[in-house]
Amino acid sequence: MRIELADPRGLIRESYRIEGIGPSECRSIFLDWALGLPETVDTSRALRRLLAEYGPGAADHPMTAVLRAGLAEEPAARRRGGPRGRRS
């Protein structure tokens, strides 16, 4: 995947250039990136491409941690207990 497809607006690229950026700002940028990603782009594939592009040179950058977290599997859905779990 070309980097232009993985980060069409350059948000992730720019986040790596911001000095002193913190985890909360990176999460905000990530959310904006995810919401703006075209539907035709596979998000997991784009995340792997972004990590391959930026991760090796910035292992300690907070955006690298956010991108890795984005690839983590979601916890399995569980049935809620109590009355909410019995609604039809």
N, C-alpha and C. Protein backbone atom coordinates (compact mmCIF):
# COMPACT_ATOMS: atom_id res chain seq x y z
N MET A 1 0.85 -1.17 0.00
CA MET A 1 0.00 0.00 0.00
C MET A 1 0.90 1.24 0.00
N ARG A 2 0.57 2.18 -0.84
CA ARG A 2 1.31 3.44 -0.88
C ARG A 2 0.99 4.25 0.37
N ILE A 3 1.98 4.98 0.84
CA ILE A 3 1.79 5.78 2.05
C ILE A 3 0.70 6.83 1.86
N GLU A 4 0.53 7.32 0.63
CA GLU A 4 -0.50 8.32 0.35
C GLU A 4 -1.91 7.75 0.54
N LEU A 5 -2.07 6.45 0.36
CA LEU A 5 -3.36 5.81 0.61
C LEU A 5 -3.58 5.57 2.10
N ALA A 6 -2.50 5.25 2.80
CA ALA A 6 -2.60 4.97 4.23
C ALA A 6 -2.81 6.25 5.05
N ASP A 7 -2.30 7.37 4.55
CA ASP A 7 -2.40 8.64 5.27
C ASP A 7 -2.70 9.75 4.25
N PRO A 8 -3.90 9.73 3.68
CA PRO A 8 -4.19 10.65 2.58
C PRO A 8 -4.11 12.13 2.93
N ARG A 9 -4.36 12.49 4.17
CA ARG A 9 -4.30 13.91 4.56
C ARG A 9 -3.00 14.26 5.28
N GLY A 10 -2.12 13.28 5.45
CA GLY A 10 -0.83 13.52 6.07
C GLY A 10 -0.89 13.77 7.57
N LEU A 11 -1.98 13.39 8.20
CA LEU A 11 -2.12 13.65 9.64
C LEU A 11 -1.11 12.88 10.48
N ILE A 12 -0.91 11.62 10.15
CA ILE A 12 0.03 10.81 10.93
C ILE A 12 1.45 11.30 10.69
N ARG A 13 1.79 11.57 9.43
CA ARG A 13 3.12 12.10 9.11
C ARG A 13 3.40 13.36 9.93
N GLU A 14 2.45 14.28 9.95
CA GLU A 14 2.65 15.54 10.67
C GLU A 14 2.75 15.34 12.18
N SER A 15 2.03 14.35 12.70
CA SER A 15 2.11 14.12 14.16
C SER A 15 3.51 13.75 14.59
N TYR A 16 4.24 13.04 13.72
CA TYR A 16 5.61 12.67 14.04
C TYR A 16 6.56 13.86 14.00
N ARG A 17 6.15 14.94 13.38
CA ARG A 17 6.99 16.13 13.26
C ARG A 17 6.75 17.14 14.38
N ILE A 18 5.72 16.94 15.18
CA ILE A 18 5.38 17.89 16.24
C ILE A 18 6.22 17.59 17.48
N GLU A 19 7.06 18.52 17.84
CA GLU A 19 7.90 18.34 19.03
C GLU A 19 7.06 18.41 20.29
N GLY A 20 7.32 17.52 21.22
CA GLY A 20 6.65 17.54 22.51
C GLY A 20 5.21 17.06 22.49
N ILE A 21 4.77 16.44 21.40
CA ILE A 21 3.40 15.94 21.33
C ILE A 21 3.22 14.82 22.35
N GLY A 22 2.06 14.78 22.96
CA GLY A 22 1.79 13.77 23.98
C GLY A 22 0.79 12.73 23.51
N PRO A 23 0.57 11.73 24.34
CA PRO A 23 -0.35 10.65 23.99
C PRO A 23 -1.78 11.12 23.71
N SER A 24 -2.28 12.07 24.48
CA SER A 24 -3.67 12.51 24.26
C SER A 24 -3.82 13.21 22.92
N GLU A 25 -2.83 14.01 22.54
CA GLU A 25 -2.89 14.66 21.23
C GLU A 25 -2.79 13.63 20.11
N CYS A 26 -1.96 12.62 20.31
CA CYS A 26 -1.83 11.56 19.30
C CYS A 26 -3.13 10.78 19.15
N ARG A 27 -3.82 10.52 20.24
CA ARG A 27 -5.11 9.81 20.16
C ARG A 27 -6.13 10.65 19.41
N SER A 28 -6.12 11.95 19.64
CA SER A 28 -7.03 12.84 18.94
C SER A 28 -6.75 12.87 17.43
N ILE A 29 -5.48 12.96 17.08
CA ILE A 29 -5.09 12.94 15.67
C ILE A 29 -5.46 11.60 15.05
N PHE A 30 -5.23 10.51 15.79
CA PHE A 30 -5.57 9.18 15.29
C PHE A 30 -7.07 9.06 15.00
N LEU A 31 -7.88 9.58 15.90
CA LEU A 31 -9.33 9.52 15.69
C LEU A 31 -9.72 10.31 14.44
N ASP A 32 -9.15 11.48 14.27
CA ASP A 32 -9.41 12.28 13.08
C ASP A 32 -8.97 11.54 11.83
N TRP A 33 -7.80 10.90 11.89
CA TRP A 33 -7.30 10.09 10.77
C TRP A 33 -8.28 8.96 10.45
N ALA A 34 -8.69 8.23 11.47
CA ALA A 34 -9.58 7.08 11.27
C ALA A 34 -10.93 7.50 10.68
N LEU A 35 -11.48 8.59 11.17
CA LEU A 35 -12.77 9.06 10.66
C LEU A 35 -12.67 9.59 9.23
N GLY A 36 -11.50 10.08 8.85
CA GLY A 36 -11.32 10.63 7.52
C GLY A 36 -10.80 9.65 6.49
N LEU A 37 -10.51 8.43 6.92
CA LEU A 37 -9.99 7.42 6.00
C LEU A 37 -11.09 6.96 5.05
N PRO A 38 -10.84 6.94 3.75
CA PRO A 38 -11.87 6.48 2.81
C PRO A 38 -12.33 5.06 3.13
N GLU A 39 -13.59 4.78 2.88
CA GLU A 39 -14.15 3.46 3.17
C GLU A 39 -13.45 2.35 2.39
N THR A 40 -12.86 2.68 1.27
CA THR A 40 -12.21 1.67 0.42
C THR A 40 -10.86 1.23 0.97
N VAL A 41 -10.34 1.93 1.96
CA VAL A 41 -9.02 1.61 2.52
C VAL A 41 -9.19 0.68 3.71
N ASP A 42 -8.46 -0.42 3.70
CA ASP A 42 -8.46 -1.38 4.81
C ASP A 42 -7.68 -0.76 5.97
N THR A 43 -8.34 -0.52 7.07
CA THR A 43 -7.73 0.18 8.20
C THR A 43 -6.53 -0.58 8.77
N SER A 44 -6.65 -1.88 8.94
CA SER A 44 -5.55 -2.67 9.50
C SER A 44 -4.33 -2.61 8.59
N ARG A 45 -4.58 -2.72 7.31
CA ARG A 45 -3.48 -2.65 6.34
C ARG A 45 -2.83 -1.27 6.37
N ALA A 46 -3.63 -0.23 6.47
CA ALA A 46 -3.10 1.13 6.54
C ALA A 46 -2.27 1.32 7.81
N LEU A 47 -2.74 0.80 8.92
CA LEU A 47 -1.99 0.91 10.18
C LEU A 47 -0.65 0.19 10.08
N ARG A 48 -0.65 -0.99 9.49
CA ARG A 48 0.62 -1.72 9.33
C ARG A 48 1.58 -0.93 8.44
N ARG A 49 1.06 -0.31 7.40
CA ARG A 49 1.90 0.49 6.50
C ARG A 49 2.47 1.70 7.23
N LEU A 50 1.65 2.36 8.02
CA LEU A 50 2.12 3.53 8.77
C LEU A 50 3.18 3.13 9.79
N LEU A 51 2.98 2.02 10.45
CA LEU A 51 3.99 1.55 11.41
C LEU A 51 5.29 1.19 10.72
N ALA A 52 5.20 0.60 9.54
CA ALA A 52 6.41 0.25 8.79
C ALA A 52 7.15 1.51 8.35
N GLU A 53 6.41 2.55 8.02
CA GLU A 53 7.01 3.81 7.56
C GLU A 53 7.63 4.60 8.70
N TYR A 54 6.90 4.77 9.79
CA TYR A 54 7.33 5.68 10.85
C TYR A 54 7.84 4.99 12.12
N GLY A 55 7.39 3.80 12.40
CA GLY A 55 7.72 3.12 13.64
C GLY A 55 9.19 2.84 13.89
N PRO A 56 9.93 2.33 12.89
CA PRO A 56 11.32 1.98 13.15
C PRO A 56 12.20 3.14 13.63
N GLY A 57 11.97 4.32 13.14
CA GLY A 57 12.77 5.46 13.54
C GLY A 57 12.22 6.21 14.73
N ALA A 58 11.08 5.78 15.24
CA ALA A 58 10.43 6.50 16.33
C ALA A 58 9.72 5.53 17.28
N ALA A 59 10.46 4.55 17.75
CA ALA A 59 9.87 3.52 18.61
C ALA A 59 9.27 4.09 19.89
N ASP A 60 9.83 5.19 20.41
CA ASP A 60 9.35 5.77 21.66
C ASP A 60 8.33 6.89 21.46
N HIS A 61 7.99 7.18 20.22
CA HIS A 61 7.03 8.27 19.94
C HIS A 61 5.63 7.84 20.37
N PRO A 62 4.86 8.73 20.97
CA PRO A 62 3.51 8.35 21.42
C PRO A 62 2.59 7.93 20.27
N MET A 63 2.80 8.45 19.06
CA MET A 63 1.95 8.03 17.94
C MET A 63 2.23 6.57 17.57
N THR A 64 3.46 6.13 17.72
CA THR A 64 3.78 4.73 17.46
C THR A 64 2.98 3.83 18.40
N ALA A 65 2.90 4.22 19.65
CA ALA A 65 2.11 3.44 20.62
C ALA A 65 0.63 3.45 20.26
N VAL A 66 0.12 4.60 19.80
CA VAL A 66 -1.28 4.70 19.42
C VAL A 66 -1.56 3.83 18.20
N LEU A 67 -0.67 3.84 17.21
CA LEU A 67 -0.86 3.01 16.02
C LEU A 67 -0.84 1.52 16.39
N ARG A 68 0.07 1.15 17.27
CA ARG A 68 0.13 -0.26 17.71
C ARG A 68 -1.15 -0.65 18.44
N ALA A 69 -1.65 0.24 19.27
CA ALA A 69 -2.90 -0.03 19.99
C ALA A 69 -4.06 -0.18 19.01
N GLY A 70 -4.02 0.58 17.92
CA GLY A 70 -5.07 0.47 16.91
C GLY A 70 -5.10 -0.88 16.23
N LEU A 71 -3.95 -1.55 16.21
CA LEU A 71 -3.89 -2.89 15.61
C LEU A 71 -4.27 -3.99 16.58
N ALA A 72 -4.28 -3.68 17.86
CA ALA A 72 -4.61 -4.70 18.87
C ALA A 72 -6.03 -5.19 18.66
N GLU A 73 -6.22 -6.45 18.91
CA GLU A 73 -7.56 -7.03 18.77
C GLU A 73 -8.50 -6.48 19.82
N GLU A 74 -9.75 -6.29 19.41
CA GLU A 74 -10.76 -5.86 20.36
C GLU A 74 -11.09 -7.03 21.28
N PRO A 75 -11.42 -6.75 22.53
CA PRO A 75 -11.81 -7.85 23.42
C PRO A 75 -13.09 -8.50 22.90
N ALA A 76 -13.19 -9.77 23.12
CA ALA A 76 -14.38 -10.50 22.67
C ALA A 76 -15.63 -9.97 23.35
N ALA A 77 -16.69 -9.85 22.58
CA ALA A 77 -17.96 -9.38 23.15
C ALA A 77 -18.49 -10.42 24.12
N ARG A 78 -18.99 -9.93 25.24
CA ARG A 78 -19.54 -10.85 26.24
C ARG A 78 -20.98 -10.46 26.51
N ARG A 79 -21.73 -11.42 26.91
CA ARG A 79 -23.13 -11.19 27.27
C ARG A 79 -23.17 -10.40 28.56
N ARG A 80 -24.00 -9.38 28.58
CA ARG A 80 -24.18 -8.61 29.81
C ARG A 80 -25.09 -9.39 30.75
N GLY A 81 -24.82 -9.31 32.00
CA GLY A 81 -25.65 -9.98 32.98
C GLY A 81 -26.83 -9.14 33.40
N GLY A 82 -27.70 -9.70 34.18
CA GLY A 82 -28.84 -8.97 34.71
C GLY A 82 -29.93 -8.74 33.68
N PRO A 83 -30.85 -7.82 33.99
CA PRO A 83 -32.00 -7.58 33.10
C PRO A 83 -31.60 -7.11 31.70
N ARG A 84 -30.53 -6.34 31.58
CA ARG A 84 -30.12 -5.87 30.25
C ARG A 84 -29.69 -7.03 29.35
N GLY A 85 -29.16 -8.06 29.92
CA GLY A 85 -28.72 -9.20 29.14
C GLY A 85 -29.88 -10.08 28.69
N ARG A 86 -31.04 -9.94 29.30
CA ARG A 86 -32.19 -10.79 28.95
C ARG A 86 -33.19 -10.11 28.03
N ARG A 87 -32.95 -8.86 27.69
CA ARG A 87 -33.88 -8.17 26.78
C ARG A 87 -33.86 -8.82 25.41
N SER A 88 -35.01 -8.83 24.79
CA SER A 88 -35.09 -9.41 23.44
C SER A 88 -35.17 -8.35 22.40
